[in-house]
Amino acid sequence: MKPSAETTEAAGWRTLRATVVPGHQVASGNNRNPLFPGGTIRMQVPHFRALGLDLSEFHPGTINISIAPNRYQVLEAAVTLREVQWHPTEPAEDFSFFDVEVTAGEGAPVRGYIYYPHPDTKPTHFQSPDVLELLLPFVSGIEYGAAIKLKVRENQLSVLEPDARELADC
């Protein structure tokens, strides 16, 4: 993989095109898993707040987006919370949050976070390497298959494009 050639802006933000894709629906609780009543985000928010990160302005679920064929690499998070014991029976997890700005359709840009449960502490529901989970205020009109514009901080996430050999393998 090589660094992405997407637009780079002077303020340190990189602009990407992404597509809204279905997720596991665990964060929102829409999968009705009794282990996570109301969804994992609702369960986690009070624990995050106690550790200094207030997410109360955000919708209690994530929007999953794909940046395929690109992938991302974590550099330095805006916020990292370690060993968060948010569930009564599941093991503690580490979470990182990355600044993001999203524009859907003709709407105004909305700021939020990329929500990143660390895979090495996350027990289940892993994401594809091209999928990011977004925590945003409620944004109407976002639906599966919708194209969105995503801005990420270059010092927080690196976006990697497939090289010619990887594209040939597809």
N, C-alpha and C. Protein backbone atom coordinates (compact mmCIF):
# COMPACT_ATOMS: atom_id res chain seq x y z
N MET A 1 0.84 -1.17 0.00
CA MET A 1 0.00 0.00 0.00
C MET A 1 0.89 1.24 0.00
N LYS A 2 0.43 2.27 -0.68
CA LYS A 2 1.16 3.53 -0.70
C LYS A 2 0.24 4.63 -0.18
N PRO A 3 0.80 5.75 0.29
CA PRO A 3 -0.06 6.83 0.78
C PRO A 3 -1.02 7.29 -0.31
N SER A 4 -2.22 7.68 0.10
CA SER A 4 -3.25 8.12 -0.82
C SER A 4 -2.90 9.45 -1.46
N ALA A 5 -3.31 9.62 -2.69
CA ALA A 5 -3.09 10.87 -3.42
C ALA A 5 -4.30 11.78 -3.34
N GLU A 6 -5.24 11.49 -2.41
CA GLU A 6 -6.43 12.33 -2.27
C GLU A 6 -6.01 13.77 -1.96
N THR A 7 -6.95 14.68 -2.09
CA THR A 7 -6.68 16.09 -1.87
C THR A 7 -6.13 16.34 -0.47
N THR A 8 -5.05 17.10 -0.41
CA THR A 8 -4.48 17.51 0.86
C THR A 8 -4.71 19.00 1.02
N GLU A 9 -5.21 19.41 2.17
CA GLU A 9 -5.51 20.81 2.40
C GLU A 9 -4.47 21.41 3.34
N ALA A 10 -4.26 22.71 3.24
CA ALA A 10 -3.23 23.41 4.00
C ALA A 10 -3.38 23.25 5.51
N ALA A 11 -4.58 23.11 6.01
CA ALA A 11 -4.80 23.05 7.45
C ALA A 11 -4.52 21.67 8.03
N GLY A 12 -3.96 20.75 7.23
CA GLY A 12 -3.65 19.42 7.75
C GLY A 12 -4.77 18.41 7.66
N TRP A 13 -5.79 18.71 6.88
CA TRP A 13 -6.89 17.78 6.67
C TRP A 13 -6.76 17.14 5.30
N ARG A 14 -7.13 15.90 5.19
CA ARG A 14 -7.17 15.19 3.91
C ARG A 14 -8.63 14.90 3.58
N THR A 15 -9.02 15.18 2.34
CA THR A 15 -10.40 14.96 1.90
C THR A 15 -10.49 13.65 1.14
N LEU A 16 -11.49 12.85 1.50
CA LEU A 16 -11.70 11.54 0.89
C LEU A 16 -13.15 11.39 0.46
N ARG A 17 -13.38 10.53 -0.49
CA ARG A 17 -14.73 10.12 -0.86
C ARG A 17 -14.98 8.78 -0.17
N ALA A 18 -16.17 8.61 0.35
CA ALA A 18 -16.51 7.38 1.05
C ALA A 18 -17.95 7.01 0.73
N THR A 19 -18.30 5.77 1.04
CA THR A 19 -19.65 5.26 0.81
C THR A 19 -20.20 4.71 2.12
N VAL A 20 -21.43 5.04 2.43
CA VAL A 20 -22.09 4.52 3.63
C VAL A 20 -22.41 3.05 3.40
N VAL A 21 -22.00 2.20 4.35
CA VAL A 21 -22.21 0.75 4.23
C VAL A 21 -22.89 0.22 5.49
N PRO A 22 -23.57 -0.92 5.39
CA PRO A 22 -24.18 -1.52 6.58
C PRO A 22 -23.12 -1.94 7.59
N GLY A 23 -23.46 -1.81 8.85
CA GLY A 23 -22.58 -2.27 9.92
C GLY A 23 -23.22 -3.44 10.64
N HIS A 24 -22.68 -3.76 11.80
CA HIS A 24 -23.20 -4.87 12.60
C HIS A 24 -24.46 -4.47 13.38
N GLN A 25 -24.73 -3.17 13.47
CA GLN A 25 -25.88 -2.60 14.19
C GLN A 25 -25.84 -2.89 15.69
N VAL A 26 -24.64 -3.12 16.20
CA VAL A 26 -24.45 -3.34 17.63
C VAL A 26 -24.34 -2.00 18.35
N ALA A 27 -23.64 -1.04 17.73
CA ALA A 27 -23.44 0.27 18.35
C ALA A 27 -24.78 0.96 18.62
N SER A 28 -25.70 0.87 17.67
CA SER A 28 -27.01 1.53 17.80
C SER A 28 -28.01 0.69 18.58
N GLY A 29 -27.77 -0.59 18.69
CA GLY A 29 -28.73 -1.49 19.33
C GLY A 29 -29.79 -2.01 18.39
N ASN A 30 -29.70 -1.65 17.11
CA ASN A 30 -30.71 -2.10 16.14
C ASN A 30 -30.66 -3.59 15.87
N ASN A 31 -29.58 -4.27 16.28
CA ASN A 31 -29.54 -5.72 16.08
C ASN A 31 -30.24 -6.47 17.22
N ARG A 32 -30.67 -5.72 18.23
CA ARG A 32 -31.44 -6.25 19.37
C ARG A 32 -30.70 -7.34 20.15
N ASN A 33 -29.40 -7.26 20.22
CA ASN A 33 -28.61 -8.21 20.99
C ASN A 33 -28.84 -7.94 22.47
N PRO A 34 -29.39 -8.90 23.23
CA PRO A 34 -29.69 -8.66 24.65
C PRO A 34 -28.44 -8.41 25.50
N LEU A 35 -27.27 -8.76 24.99
CA LEU A 35 -26.02 -8.48 25.71
C LEU A 35 -25.72 -6.99 25.73
N PHE A 36 -26.28 -6.24 24.75
CA PHE A 36 -26.02 -4.81 24.64
C PHE A 36 -27.34 -4.04 24.54
N PRO A 37 -28.15 -4.03 25.59
CA PRO A 37 -29.46 -3.37 25.51
C PRO A 37 -29.32 -1.88 25.20
N GLY A 38 -30.02 -1.43 24.16
CA GLY A 38 -29.94 -0.04 23.75
C GLY A 38 -28.71 0.28 22.91
N GLY A 39 -27.82 -0.68 22.73
CA GLY A 39 -26.63 -0.49 21.91
C GLY A 39 -25.38 -0.18 22.73
N THR A 40 -24.24 -0.49 22.14
CA THR A 40 -22.98 -0.32 22.85
C THR A 40 -22.66 1.15 23.11
N ILE A 41 -23.01 2.04 22.18
CA ILE A 41 -22.70 3.46 22.37
C ILE A 41 -23.42 4.00 23.61
N ARG A 42 -24.71 3.71 23.74
CA ARG A 42 -25.45 4.17 24.93
C ARG A 42 -24.81 3.63 26.22
N MET A 43 -24.32 2.41 26.15
CA MET A 43 -23.70 1.81 27.34
C MET A 43 -22.33 2.43 27.62
N GLN A 44 -21.61 2.81 26.58
CA GLN A 44 -20.25 3.32 26.74
C GLN A 44 -20.18 4.80 27.09
N VAL A 45 -21.12 5.60 26.61
CA VAL A 45 -21.05 7.05 26.78
C VAL A 45 -20.83 7.49 28.24
N PRO A 46 -21.54 6.94 29.22
CA PRO A 46 -21.29 7.38 30.60
C PRO A 46 -19.85 7.08 31.07
N HIS A 47 -19.29 5.98 30.61
CA HIS A 47 -17.91 5.62 30.98
C HIS A 47 -16.91 6.56 30.31
N PHE A 48 -17.17 6.89 29.04
CA PHE A 48 -16.31 7.84 28.35
C PHE A 48 -16.37 9.21 29.03
N ARG A 49 -17.59 9.64 29.41
CA ARG A 49 -17.76 10.94 30.07
C ARG A 49 -16.99 10.97 31.38
N ALA A 50 -17.04 9.90 32.14
CA ALA A 50 -16.32 9.83 33.42
C ALA A 50 -14.81 9.94 33.22
N LEU A 51 -14.35 9.56 32.03
CA LEU A 51 -12.92 9.64 31.71
C LEU A 51 -12.56 10.94 30.97
N GLY A 52 -13.54 11.85 30.84
CA GLY A 52 -13.26 13.16 30.26
C GLY A 52 -13.70 13.38 28.83
N LEU A 53 -14.35 12.41 28.20
CA LEU A 53 -14.81 12.58 26.82
C LEU A 53 -16.34 12.58 26.78
N ASP A 54 -16.91 13.75 26.53
CA ASP A 54 -18.36 13.89 26.50
C ASP A 54 -18.87 13.74 25.07
N LEU A 55 -19.62 12.68 24.82
CA LEU A 55 -20.16 12.40 23.49
C LEU A 55 -21.67 12.61 23.45
N SER A 56 -22.22 13.34 24.41
CA SER A 56 -23.67 13.49 24.52
C SER A 56 -24.29 14.21 23.32
N GLU A 57 -23.51 15.00 22.56
CA GLU A 57 -24.07 15.70 21.40
C GLU A 57 -24.22 14.80 20.18
N PHE A 58 -23.72 13.58 20.26
CA PHE A 58 -23.73 12.68 19.11
C PHE A 58 -24.88 11.69 19.15
N HIS A 59 -25.32 11.27 17.97
CA HIS A 59 -26.34 10.23 17.85
C HIS A 59 -25.80 8.93 18.47
N PRO A 60 -26.61 8.19 19.22
CA PRO A 60 -26.13 6.98 19.90
C PRO A 60 -26.03 5.76 18.98
N GLY A 61 -25.23 5.87 17.98
CA GLY A 61 -24.95 4.80 17.03
C GLY A 61 -23.84 5.28 16.13
N THR A 62 -23.31 4.39 15.31
CA THR A 62 -22.25 4.80 14.39
C THR A 62 -22.73 4.69 12.95
N ILE A 63 -22.12 5.48 12.10
CA ILE A 63 -22.32 5.37 10.66
C ILE A 63 -21.08 4.69 10.12
N ASN A 64 -21.26 3.58 9.45
CA ASN A 64 -20.14 2.85 8.87
C ASN A 64 -19.92 3.32 7.45
N ILE A 65 -18.66 3.64 7.15
CA ILE A 65 -18.33 4.09 5.80
C ILE A 65 -17.14 3.30 5.28
N SER A 66 -17.14 3.10 3.97
CA SER A 66 -16.04 2.41 3.32
C SER A 66 -15.24 3.40 2.50
N ILE A 67 -13.91 3.31 2.60
CA ILE A 67 -13.02 4.11 1.78
C ILE A 67 -12.33 3.23 0.73
N ALA A 68 -12.91 2.04 0.47
CA ALA A 68 -12.34 1.08 -0.48
C ALA A 68 -12.17 1.73 -1.84
N PRO A 69 -11.14 1.37 -2.58
CA PRO A 69 -10.18 0.30 -2.33
C PRO A 69 -9.07 0.70 -1.35
N ASN A 70 -9.14 1.91 -0.82
CA ASN A 70 -8.13 2.36 0.15
C ASN A 70 -8.34 1.67 1.49
N ARG A 71 -7.31 1.77 2.31
CA ARG A 71 -7.37 1.32 3.70
C ARG A 71 -6.79 2.45 4.55
N TYR A 72 -6.97 2.33 5.84
CA TYR A 72 -6.42 3.36 6.72
C TYR A 72 -5.40 2.76 7.67
N GLN A 73 -4.56 3.64 8.18
CA GLN A 73 -3.58 3.25 9.20
C GLN A 73 -3.67 4.29 10.31
N VAL A 74 -3.79 3.81 11.54
CA VAL A 74 -3.86 4.68 12.70
C VAL A 74 -2.49 5.29 12.95
N LEU A 75 -2.46 6.60 13.15
CA LEU A 75 -1.21 7.29 13.50
C LEU A 75 -1.29 7.74 14.96
N GLU A 76 -1.99 8.87 15.21
CA GLU A 76 -2.11 9.37 16.58
C GLU A 76 -3.52 9.89 16.79
N ALA A 77 -4.22 9.30 17.71
CA ALA A 77 -5.61 9.67 17.98
C ALA A 77 -5.71 11.02 18.66
N ALA A 78 -6.86 11.68 18.46
CA ALA A 78 -7.15 12.91 19.20
C ALA A 78 -7.34 12.57 20.68
N VAL A 79 -7.99 11.43 20.93
CA VAL A 79 -8.26 10.97 22.29
C VAL A 79 -8.13 9.45 22.32
N THR A 80 -7.47 8.92 23.33
CA THR A 80 -7.43 7.47 23.56
C THR A 80 -7.81 7.20 25.01
N LEU A 81 -8.72 6.27 25.19
CA LEU A 81 -9.15 5.85 26.53
C LEU A 81 -8.78 4.38 26.68
N ARG A 82 -8.05 4.07 27.73
CA ARG A 82 -7.54 2.71 27.92
C ARG A 82 -8.28 1.98 29.04
N GLU A 83 -8.42 0.67 28.82
CA GLU A 83 -9.01 -0.24 29.81
C GLU A 83 -10.35 0.26 30.34
N VAL A 84 -11.23 0.59 29.40
CA VAL A 84 -12.57 1.06 29.76
C VAL A 84 -13.45 -0.15 30.07
N GLN A 85 -13.85 -0.27 31.31
CA GLN A 85 -14.73 -1.37 31.74
C GLN A 85 -16.18 -0.89 31.63
N TRP A 86 -16.70 -0.92 30.42
CA TRP A 86 -18.02 -0.36 30.14
C TRP A 86 -19.14 -1.39 30.22
N HIS A 87 -18.82 -2.64 30.26
CA HIS A 87 -19.83 -3.71 30.27
C HIS A 87 -19.65 -4.55 31.53
N PRO A 88 -20.75 -5.00 32.14
CA PRO A 88 -20.62 -5.75 33.40
C PRO A 88 -19.94 -7.12 33.27
N THR A 89 -19.99 -7.73 32.07
CA THR A 89 -19.41 -9.07 31.94
C THR A 89 -18.32 -9.18 30.87
N GLU A 90 -18.27 -8.23 29.94
CA GLU A 90 -17.27 -8.27 28.88
C GLU A 90 -15.96 -7.66 29.38
N PRO A 91 -14.83 -8.05 28.79
CA PRO A 91 -13.55 -7.48 29.24
C PRO A 91 -13.41 -6.00 28.89
N ALA A 92 -12.55 -5.31 29.62
CA ALA A 92 -12.27 -3.89 29.36
C ALA A 92 -11.68 -3.74 27.96
N GLU A 93 -11.93 -2.58 27.36
CA GLU A 93 -11.44 -2.30 26.01
C GLU A 93 -10.74 -0.95 25.96
N ASP A 94 -9.90 -0.79 24.93
CA ASP A 94 -9.27 0.48 24.62
C ASP A 94 -10.01 1.09 23.43
N PHE A 95 -10.19 2.41 23.47
CA PHE A 95 -10.89 3.14 22.41
C PHE A 95 -10.08 4.36 22.01
N SER A 96 -10.04 4.63 20.73
CA SER A 96 -9.45 5.87 20.23
C SER A 96 -10.49 6.61 19.40
N PHE A 97 -10.32 7.92 19.36
CA PHE A 97 -11.24 8.80 18.65
C PHE A 97 -10.40 9.75 17.81
N PHE A 98 -10.80 9.91 16.54
CA PHE A 98 -10.07 10.72 15.58
C PHE A 98 -11.01 11.80 15.05
N ASP A 99 -10.50 13.01 14.90
CA ASP A 99 -11.32 14.10 14.38
C ASP A 99 -11.76 13.80 12.96
N VAL A 100 -13.01 14.15 12.66
CA VAL A 100 -13.55 13.95 11.31
C VAL A 100 -14.54 15.05 11.00
N GLU A 101 -14.64 15.38 9.73
CA GLU A 101 -15.67 16.29 9.23
C GLU A 101 -16.35 15.59 8.06
N VAL A 102 -17.66 15.55 8.07
CA VAL A 102 -18.43 14.82 7.06
C VAL A 102 -19.40 15.76 6.36
N THR A 103 -19.46 15.64 5.04
CA THR A 103 -20.46 16.35 4.26
C THR A 103 -21.24 15.31 3.46
N ALA A 104 -22.54 15.29 3.68
CA ALA A 104 -23.42 14.36 2.96
C ALA A 104 -24.27 15.16 1.99
N GLY A 105 -24.19 14.80 0.72
CA GLY A 105 -24.97 15.51 -0.29
C GLY A 105 -24.68 16.99 -0.31
N GLU A 106 -25.71 17.80 -0.32
CA GLU A 106 -25.57 19.26 -0.34
C GLU A 106 -25.62 19.85 1.06
N GLY A 107 -25.62 19.00 2.08
CA GLY A 107 -25.72 19.47 3.46
C GLY A 107 -24.47 20.18 3.93
N ALA A 108 -24.59 20.83 5.06
CA ALA A 108 -23.46 21.52 5.68
C ALA A 108 -22.52 20.50 6.31
N PRO A 109 -21.23 20.79 6.37
CA PRO A 109 -20.29 19.87 7.03
C PRO A 109 -20.64 19.71 8.51
N VAL A 110 -20.41 18.50 9.00
CA VAL A 110 -20.69 18.16 10.39
C VAL A 110 -19.40 17.58 10.99
N ARG A 111 -19.05 18.04 12.17
CA ARG A 111 -17.85 17.53 12.85
C ARG A 111 -18.23 16.43 13.83
N GLY A 112 -17.33 15.46 13.95
CA GLY A 112 -17.52 14.37 14.88
C GLY A 112 -16.22 13.63 15.08
N TYR A 113 -16.35 12.35 15.36
CA TYR A 113 -15.19 11.50 15.59
C TYR A 113 -15.28 10.22 14.77
N ILE A 114 -14.13 9.70 14.41
CA ILE A 114 -14.02 8.31 13.99
C ILE A 114 -13.87 7.54 15.29
N TYR A 115 -14.72 6.56 15.47
CA TYR A 115 -14.77 5.73 16.68
C TYR A 115 -13.99 4.47 16.38
N TYR A 116 -12.98 4.20 17.20
CA TYR A 116 -12.08 3.09 16.92
C TYR A 116 -11.86 2.24 18.17
N PRO A 117 -12.69 1.20 18.36
CA PRO A 117 -12.39 0.24 19.42
C PRO A 117 -11.15 -0.55 18.98
N HIS A 118 -10.14 -0.57 19.81
CA HIS A 118 -8.89 -1.23 19.42
C HIS A 118 -9.13 -2.72 19.18
N PRO A 119 -8.75 -3.21 18.00
CA PRO A 119 -9.00 -4.63 17.67
C PRO A 119 -8.35 -5.61 18.65
N ASP A 120 -7.23 -5.23 19.26
CA ASP A 120 -6.55 -6.14 20.18
C ASP A 120 -7.27 -6.27 21.52
N THR A 121 -8.23 -5.38 21.82
CA THR A 121 -9.01 -5.50 23.06
C THR A 121 -10.49 -5.71 22.80
N LYS A 122 -10.88 -5.71 21.54
CA LYS A 122 -12.29 -5.85 21.17
C LYS A 122 -12.62 -7.34 21.01
N PRO A 123 -13.64 -7.84 21.73
CA PRO A 123 -13.92 -9.28 21.66
C PRO A 123 -14.58 -9.76 20.37
N THR A 124 -15.44 -8.94 19.75
CA THR A 124 -16.18 -9.39 18.55
C THR A 124 -16.51 -8.20 17.66
N HIS A 125 -17.19 -8.46 16.54
CA HIS A 125 -17.70 -7.46 15.61
C HIS A 125 -16.58 -6.63 14.99
N PHE A 126 -15.64 -7.30 14.35
CA PHE A 126 -14.52 -6.63 13.72
C PHE A 126 -14.93 -6.01 12.39
N GLN A 127 -14.22 -4.96 11.99
CA GLN A 127 -14.50 -4.26 10.75
C GLN A 127 -13.47 -4.62 9.68
N SER A 128 -13.87 -4.50 8.43
CA SER A 128 -12.97 -4.63 7.30
C SER A 128 -11.94 -3.49 7.36
N PRO A 129 -10.72 -3.68 6.83
CA PRO A 129 -9.70 -2.63 6.91
C PRO A 129 -10.00 -1.35 6.13
N ASP A 130 -11.07 -1.35 5.35
CA ASP A 130 -11.46 -0.14 4.63
C ASP A 130 -12.65 0.56 5.27
N VAL A 131 -13.17 0.02 6.39
CA VAL A 131 -14.38 0.56 7.02
C VAL A 131 -14.03 1.35 8.28
N LEU A 132 -14.58 2.54 8.35
CA LEU A 132 -14.46 3.40 9.53
C LEU A 132 -15.85 3.59 10.13
N GLU A 133 -15.90 3.73 11.45
CA GLU A 133 -17.16 4.00 12.15
C GLU A 133 -17.15 5.45 12.60
N LEU A 134 -18.21 6.17 12.28
CA LEU A 134 -18.30 7.59 12.60
C LEU A 134 -19.30 7.85 13.70
N LEU A 135 -18.92 8.70 14.64
CA LEU A 135 -19.83 9.23 15.66
C LEU A 135 -20.11 10.67 15.28
N LEU A 136 -21.37 10.98 15.00
CA LEU A 136 -21.76 12.31 14.53
C LEU A 136 -23.06 12.72 15.20
N PRO A 137 -23.37 14.02 15.19
CA PRO A 137 -24.74 14.40 15.52
C PRO A 137 -25.66 13.75 14.48
N PHE A 138 -26.93 13.64 14.75
CA PHE A 138 -27.83 13.04 13.77
C PHE A 138 -27.76 13.82 12.47
N VAL A 139 -27.59 13.10 11.36
CA VAL A 139 -27.53 13.69 10.02
C VAL A 139 -28.63 13.04 9.20
N SER A 140 -29.64 13.83 8.78
CA SER A 140 -30.72 13.24 7.99
C SER A 140 -30.24 12.99 6.57
N GLY A 141 -30.84 12.01 5.94
CA GLY A 141 -30.54 11.73 4.54
C GLY A 141 -29.38 10.77 4.31
N ILE A 142 -28.71 10.36 5.37
CA ILE A 142 -27.63 9.39 5.17
C ILE A 142 -28.25 8.01 5.11
N GLU A 143 -27.97 7.30 4.02
CA GLU A 143 -28.52 5.95 3.85
C GLU A 143 -27.45 5.07 3.20
N TYR A 144 -27.64 3.77 3.27
CA TYR A 144 -26.69 2.84 2.68
C TYR A 144 -26.49 3.15 1.21
N GLY A 145 -25.24 3.15 0.78
CA GLY A 145 -24.89 3.43 -0.60
C GLY A 145 -24.64 4.90 -0.89
N ALA A 146 -25.00 5.77 0.05
CA ALA A 146 -24.80 7.21 -0.17
C ALA A 146 -23.31 7.54 -0.19
N ALA A 147 -22.94 8.44 -1.10
CA ALA A 147 -21.57 8.94 -1.17
C ALA A 147 -21.45 10.14 -0.24
N ILE A 148 -20.38 10.18 0.53
CA ILE A 148 -20.13 11.31 1.41
C ILE A 148 -18.70 11.79 1.22
N LYS A 149 -18.47 13.02 1.64
CA LYS A 149 -17.12 13.57 1.65
C LYS A 149 -16.64 13.54 3.10
N LEU A 150 -15.46 13.05 3.27
CA LEU A 150 -14.90 12.84 4.59
C LEU A 150 -13.59 13.60 4.68
N LYS A 151 -13.38 14.33 5.76
CA LYS A 151 -12.10 15.00 6.00
C LYS A 151 -11.51 14.42 7.27
N VAL A 152 -10.26 13.99 7.18
CA VAL A 152 -9.54 13.45 8.34
C VAL A 152 -8.24 14.22 8.53
N ARG A 153 -7.78 14.28 9.76
CA ARG A 153 -6.51 14.95 10.04
C ARG A 153 -5.36 14.04 9.62
N GLU A 154 -4.46 14.60 8.83
CA GLU A 154 -3.33 13.82 8.30
C GLU A 154 -2.40 13.29 9.39
N ASN A 155 -2.32 13.97 10.53
CA ASN A 155 -1.45 13.49 11.60
C ASN A 155 -2.13 12.43 12.47
N GLN A 156 -3.42 12.16 12.22
CA GLN A 156 -4.14 11.17 13.01
C GLN A 156 -4.33 9.85 12.28
N LEU A 157 -4.68 9.92 11.00
CA LEU A 157 -4.90 8.72 10.18
C LEU A 157 -4.18 8.87 8.85
N SER A 158 -3.57 7.80 8.41
CA SER A 158 -2.97 7.76 7.08
C SER A 158 -3.88 6.91 6.21
N VAL A 159 -4.14 7.38 5.00
CA VAL A 159 -4.96 6.63 4.05
C VAL A 159 -4.03 6.04 3.02
N LEU A 160 -4.15 4.74 2.83
CA LEU A 160 -3.26 4.01 1.93
C LEU A 160 -4.03 3.53 0.72
N GLU A 161 -3.49 3.81 -0.47
CA GLU A 161 -4.08 3.33 -1.72
C GLU A 161 -3.46 1.99 -2.07
N PRO A 162 -4.20 1.11 -2.73
CA PRO A 162 -3.60 -0.14 -3.17
C PRO A 162 -2.60 0.14 -4.29
N ASP A 163 -1.52 -0.64 -4.32
CA ASP A 163 -0.60 -0.48 -5.43
C ASP A 163 -1.11 -1.30 -6.60
N ALA A 164 -0.45 -1.22 -7.74
CA ALA A 164 -0.91 -1.88 -8.97
C ALA A 164 -1.04 -3.39 -8.79
N ARG A 165 -0.12 -4.00 -8.04
CA ARG A 165 -0.15 -5.45 -7.83
C ARG A 165 -1.40 -5.84 -7.03
N GLU A 166 -1.74 -5.06 -6.02
CA GLU A 166 -2.93 -5.36 -5.23
C GLU A 166 -4.20 -5.19 -6.05
N LEU A 167 -4.24 -4.17 -6.91
CA LEU A 167 -5.39 -3.98 -7.77
C LEU A 167 -5.55 -5.13 -8.76
N ALA A 168 -4.45 -5.67 -9.25
CA ALA A 168 -4.50 -6.79 -10.20
C ALA A 168 -5.03 -8.05 -9.54
N ASP A 169 -4.82 -8.18 -8.22
CA ASP A 169 -5.29 -9.36 -7.48
C ASP A 169 -6.79 -9.33 -7.23
N CYS A 170 -7.42 -8.17 -7.41
CA CYS A 170 -8.86 -8.04 -7.12
C CYS A 170 -9.69 -8.75 -8.15
